[in-house]
Amino acid sequence: MTSRVKWVLISVFFSVTLAGGTAWLVTDWTLHRHGESHAHDHAPTDLHAWMHEHLDITPEQHEKLAPLEDEFEKQRVKLKEEIRLADVALAQTIRESNVNEAAMNSALERLNKAQGALQRATLEHFFVMKRYLRPAQAAKLLEWTHDSLTRD
């Protein structure tokens, strides 16, 4: 293995690690802050419960938000699977004895695209929910989202 290939592999490893960490921060910290889960079953400590506990969601708002939550959860599961498949493809490409730089770049691009799509979908979901909230509720939701993203 040449020195150039070694540096490319090291660069790819650190790029994937950084991209994965960024995706984790946005999705897990945003959706699962303080152990809160955004799972479909709506565990007692999830975002759904947080919203009802901290935002005083009315029954009318709940009725409007529930389908948005269900749709987002379906999209989130699909995107998480795409990230997993892209991870596998990249790992297989790197494992080959003669690393094809074009194939590696393509696999890395696929992974980055999937992670970016999940980040974008997550943020879009919050802004869609904001439309159905009163101004004070929306401000609390945005503050929670901001704090989740900037938390060390």
Protein backbone atom coordinates (compact mmCIF):
# COMPACT_ATOMS: atom_id res chain seq x y z
CA MET A 1 0.00 0.00 0.00
CA THR A 2 1.45 3.32 -1.04
CA SER A 3 1.80 6.29 1.23
CA ARG A 4 -0.85 8.16 -0.76
CA VAL A 5 -3.42 5.39 -0.30
CA LYS A 6 -2.69 5.26 3.43
CA TRP A 7 -3.29 9.02 3.76
CA VAL A 8 -6.50 8.74 1.74
CA LEU A 9 -7.74 5.95 4.02
CA ILE A 10 -6.83 7.93 7.12
CA SER A 11 -8.58 11.00 5.69
CA VAL A 12 -11.68 8.98 4.86
CA PHE A 13 -11.73 7.46 8.33
CA PHE A 14 -11.61 10.87 10.01
CA SER A 15 -14.16 12.33 7.56
CA VAL A 16 -16.60 9.52 8.25
CA THR A 17 -16.04 9.86 11.98
CA LEU A 18 -16.67 13.62 11.84
CA ALA A 19 -19.74 13.23 9.63
CA GLY A 20 -21.12 10.49 11.86
CA GLY A 21 -20.54 12.59 14.95
CA THR A 22 -22.30 15.55 13.40
CA ALA A 23 -25.29 13.43 12.40
CA TRP A 24 -25.44 11.98 15.90
CA LEU A 25 -25.37 15.41 17.50
CA VAL A 26 -28.21 16.74 15.40
CA THR A 27 -30.45 13.70 15.55
CA ASP A 28 -29.83 12.23 18.97
CA TRP A 29 -29.33 15.42 20.93
CA THR A 30 -32.20 17.14 19.21
CA LEU A 31 -34.64 14.26 19.43
CA HIS A 32 -33.37 12.48 22.52
CA ARG A 33 -32.25 15.27 24.83
CA HIS A 34 -32.07 14.13 28.43
CA GLY A 35 -32.93 10.57 27.40
CA GLU A 36 -35.99 11.62 25.49
CA SER A 37 -36.89 9.32 22.63
CA HIS A 38 -38.71 10.28 19.47
CA ALA A 39 -39.82 6.69 18.99
CA HIS A 40 -43.18 5.92 17.45
CA ASP A 41 -44.48 4.38 20.65
CA HIS A 42 -44.10 7.73 22.41
CA ALA A 43 -42.35 6.63 25.57
CA PRO A 44 -43.19 8.83 28.54
CA THR A 45 -39.98 10.87 28.25
CA ASP A 46 -40.01 11.55 24.49
CA LEU A 47 -40.42 14.81 22.58
CA HIS A 48 -44.16 14.25 22.41
CA ALA A 49 -44.39 14.09 26.21
CA TRP A 50 -41.97 17.01 26.57
CA MET A 51 -44.17 19.13 24.33
CA HIS A 52 -47.29 18.31 26.35
CA GLU A 53 -45.50 18.90 29.64
CA HIS A 54 -43.69 22.13 28.71
CA LEU A 55 -45.75 23.67 25.94
CA ASP A 56 -49.30 23.09 27.19
CA ILE A 57 -50.37 21.54 23.89
CA THR A 58 -54.11 21.84 23.41
CA PRO A 59 -56.19 18.91 22.15
CA GLU A 60 -56.63 20.79 18.85
CA GLN A 61 -52.87 21.24 18.48
CA HIS A 62 -52.29 17.59 19.38
CA GLU A 63 -54.71 16.56 16.66
CA LYS A 64 -52.76 18.60 14.09
CA LEU A 65 -49.30 17.55 15.34
CA ALA A 66 -49.89 13.79 15.67
CA PRO A 67 -49.92 13.08 11.91
CA LEU A 68 -46.77 15.20 11.50
CA GLU A 69 -45.05 13.17 14.21
CA ASP A 70 -46.08 9.88 12.60
CA GLU A 71 -44.90 10.99 9.16
CA PHE A 72 -41.58 12.26 10.50
CA GLU A 73 -40.96 9.00 12.35
CA LYS A 74 -41.46 7.04 9.11
CA GLN A 75 -39.07 9.38 7.28
CA ARG A 76 -36.52 9.20 10.11
CA VAL A 77 -36.51 5.39 10.10
CA LYS A 78 -36.07 5.36 6.32
CA LEU A 79 -33.17 7.83 6.45
CA LYS A 80 -31.47 5.99 9.34
CA GLU A 81 -31.60 2.82 7.22
CA GLU A 82 -30.07 4.67 4.27
CA ILE A 83 -27.26 5.87 6.54
CA ARG A 84 -26.68 2.31 7.74
CA LEU A 85 -26.55 0.99 4.15
CA ALA A 86 -24.20 3.79 3.10
CA ASP A 87 -21.93 2.97 6.07
CA VAL A 88 -21.83 -0.67 4.96
CA ALA A 89 -21.03 0.29 1.36
CA LEU A 90 -18.21 2.58 2.47
CA ALA A 91 -16.81 -0.07 4.81
CA GLN A 92 -16.83 -2.65 2.01
CA THR A 93 -15.11 -0.25 -0.36
CA ILE A 94 -12.37 0.53 2.17
CA ARG A 95 -11.86 -3.15 2.96
CA GLU A 96 -10.94 -4.02 -0.63
CA SER A 97 -7.21 -4.66 -1.09
CA ASN A 98 -6.95 -2.26 -4.04
CA VAL A 99 -8.90 0.74 -2.84
CA ASN A 100 -10.60 2.38 -5.77
CA GLU A 101 -10.50 6.09 -4.96
CA ALA A 102 -13.51 6.89 -7.17
CA ALA A 103 -15.60 4.15 -5.54
CA MET A 104 -14.52 5.30 -2.09
CA ASN A 105 -15.44 8.92 -2.87
CA SER A 106 -18.79 7.80 -4.25
CA ALA A 107 -19.54 5.75 -1.12
CA LEU A 108 -18.48 8.63 1.12
CA GLU A 109 -20.66 11.05 -0.84
CA ARG A 110 -23.64 8.68 -0.46
CA LEU A 111 -23.08 8.56 3.31
CA ASN A 112 -22.73 12.33 3.63
CA LYS A 113 -25.85 12.86 1.53
CA ALA A 114 -27.91 10.50 3.72
CA GLN A 115 -26.67 12.11 6.94
CA GLY A 116 -27.40 15.57 5.58
CA ALA A 117 -30.89 14.48 4.55
CA LEU A 118 -31.63 13.31 8.09
CA GLN A 119 -30.32 16.54 9.58
CA ARG A 120 -32.37 18.59 7.14
CA ALA A 121 -35.52 16.51 7.74
CA THR A 122 -35.13 16.87 11.50
CA LEU A 123 -34.85 20.64 11.35
CA GLU A 124 -37.66 20.95 8.81
CA HIS A 125 -39.83 18.87 11.13
CA PHE A 126 -39.32 21.33 13.97
CA PHE A 127 -40.18 24.28 11.75
CA VAL A 128 -43.33 22.56 10.48
CA MET A 129 -44.42 21.86 14.07
CA LYS A 130 -43.73 25.50 14.96
CA ARG A 131 -46.53 26.59 12.59
CA TYR A 132 -49.11 24.93 14.85
CA LEU A 133 -47.86 26.46 18.07
CA ARG A 134 -48.65 29.76 19.73
CA PRO A 135 -45.71 32.23 19.67
CA ALA A 136 -44.67 31.47 23.27
CA GLN A 137 -44.80 27.71 22.58
CA ALA A 138 -42.81 28.11 19.38
CA ALA A 139 -40.17 30.14 21.20
CA LYS A 140 -39.78 27.39 23.82
CA LEU A 141 -39.49 24.72 21.11
CA LEU A 142 -36.86 26.70 19.22
CA GLU A 143 -34.94 27.37 22.44
CA TRP A 144 -35.01 23.61 23.22
CA THR A 145 -33.81 22.81 19.70
CA HIS A 146 -31.05 25.45 19.89
CA ASP A 147 -29.89 24.20 23.28
CA SER A 148 -29.88 20.61 22.03
CA LEU A 149 -27.68 21.53 19.07
CA THR A 150 -25.21 23.66 21.02
CA ARG A 151 -24.96 21.50 24.12
CA ASP A 152 -21.43 20.28 24.93
